[in-house]
Amino acid sequence: MLVDRGHRELPIRPDYVGKNLPTARSERVNVRVTEVDGVEGPVTVPLAAFKFAHGGPSIETPPPRLGQHTDEVLASLGYSKADIAALRAEGVI
């Protein structure tokens, strides 16, 4: 996994992903992850880095497929169905 630190990309393990990345091997950052059912198989997602007193975030639905909402987003930007079909025919989307 590559993480952009603003001036360089660092190869790091997934358990180092967080706001404050370690700069030395002696520093440790733990990231809790869970596996959820995705549309095309299991997906690993990060959990909150802290505990809530009551409840907290939860995953209710799998993430969308790549391009699942493309037509809706383009339509909301003013593209007509014909424009979207032309973009798809040209291989743009």
Protein backbone atom coordinates (compact mmCIF):
# COMPACT_ATOMS: atom_id res chain seq x y z
CA MET A 1 0.00 0.00 0.00
CA LEU A 2 1.35 3.47 -0.84
CA VAL A 3 0.48 6.46 1.30
CA ASP A 4 1.19 10.01 0.12
CA ARG A 5 2.86 12.07 2.87
CA GLY A 6 2.69 15.22 0.74
CA HIS A 7 6.30 15.00 -0.42
CA ARG A 8 6.79 11.28 -1.02
CA GLU A 9 4.93 8.00 -1.11
CA LEU A 10 5.71 5.43 1.53
CA PRO A 11 5.09 1.70 1.19
CA ILE A 12 3.36 0.69 4.42
CA ARG A 13 1.39 -2.21 5.79
CA PRO A 14 -2.40 -1.74 6.08
CA ASP A 15 -2.18 -1.69 9.89
CA TYR A 16 -0.12 1.53 9.66
CA VAL A 17 -2.81 3.50 7.82
CA GLY A 18 -3.94 6.46 9.89
CA LYS A 19 -3.75 10.20 10.30
CA ASN A 20 -0.31 10.19 11.91
CA LEU A 21 1.95 7.74 10.16
CA PRO A 22 4.94 6.45 12.08
CA THR A 23 8.32 7.74 11.01
CA ALA A 24 10.37 5.07 12.78
CA ARG A 25 10.08 1.29 13.09
CA SER A 26 9.75 1.65 16.86
CA GLU A 27 6.49 3.63 16.47
CA ARG A 28 3.28 1.64 16.06
CA VAL A 29 -0.14 2.65 14.81
CA ASN A 30 -2.95 0.13 15.05
CA VAL A 31 -5.90 0.35 12.70
CA ARG A 32 -8.89 -1.85 13.30
CA VAL A 33 -10.45 -3.32 10.18
CA THR A 34 -13.34 -5.62 9.51
CA GLU A 35 -14.44 -7.68 6.55
CA VAL A 36 -17.94 -7.09 5.17
CA ASP A 37 -19.87 -8.64 2.32
CA GLY A 38 -19.35 -6.69 -0.87
CA VAL A 39 -21.21 -6.92 -4.15
CA GLU A 40 -18.53 -9.11 -5.70
CA GLY A 41 -17.09 -10.68 -2.56
CA PRO A 42 -15.70 -9.69 0.82
CA VAL A 43 -14.33 -6.15 1.29
CA THR A 44 -11.99 -5.04 4.08
CA VAL A 45 -12.90 -1.66 5.58
CA PRO A 46 -11.38 0.38 8.43
CA LEU A 47 -13.30 0.83 11.66
CA ALA A 48 -13.44 3.96 13.79
CA ALA A 49 -10.16 4.67 15.57
CA PHE A 50 -11.99 5.34 18.82
CA LYS A 51 -14.93 3.93 20.78
CA PHE A 52 -18.26 5.70 21.06
CA ALA A 53 -20.13 5.86 24.37
CA HIS A 54 -23.33 4.76 22.64
CA GLY A 55 -23.51 3.08 19.25
CA GLY A 56 -21.20 4.45 16.59
CA PRO A 57 -20.72 4.08 12.87
CA SER A 58 -21.88 0.94 11.19
CA ILE A 59 -21.82 -0.55 7.72
CA GLU A 60 -25.36 -1.11 6.47
CA THR A 61 -24.81 -1.86 2.78
CA PRO A 62 -21.91 -3.02 0.64
CA PRO A 63 -19.94 -0.36 -1.23
CA PRO A 64 -21.20 0.47 -4.73
CA ARG A 65 -19.67 -1.17 -7.77
CA LEU A 66 -17.25 0.86 -9.83
CA GLY A 67 -19.36 3.10 -12.08
CA GLN A 68 -22.65 2.16 -10.41
CA HIS A 69 -23.71 5.81 -9.99
CA THR A 70 -22.00 7.29 -13.05
CA ASP A 71 -25.21 7.96 -14.99
CA GLU A 72 -26.86 9.61 -11.97
CA VAL A 73 -23.84 11.84 -11.26
CA LEU A 74 -23.51 12.91 -14.91
CA ALA A 75 -27.26 13.58 -15.13
CA SER A 76 -27.04 15.74 -11.99
CA LEU A 77 -24.30 17.75 -13.75
CA GLY A 78 -26.60 18.43 -16.70
CA TYR A 79 -25.64 15.69 -19.14
CA SER A 80 -28.57 14.28 -21.14
CA LYS A 81 -29.16 10.56 -21.62
CA ALA A 82 -27.93 10.97 -25.20
CA ASP A 83 -24.73 12.68 -24.00
CA ILE A 84 -24.10 9.88 -21.49
CA ALA A 85 -24.76 7.22 -24.14
CA ALA A 86 -22.28 8.97 -26.48
CA LEU A 87 -19.62 9.05 -23.74
CA ARG A 88 -20.19 5.36 -23.09
CA ALA A 89 -20.02 4.52 -26.83
CA GLU A 90 -16.72 6.39 -27.14
CA GLY A 91 -15.29 4.48 -24.18
CA VAL A 92 -14.96 7.56 -22.01
CA ILE A 93 -17.04 5.94 -19.28
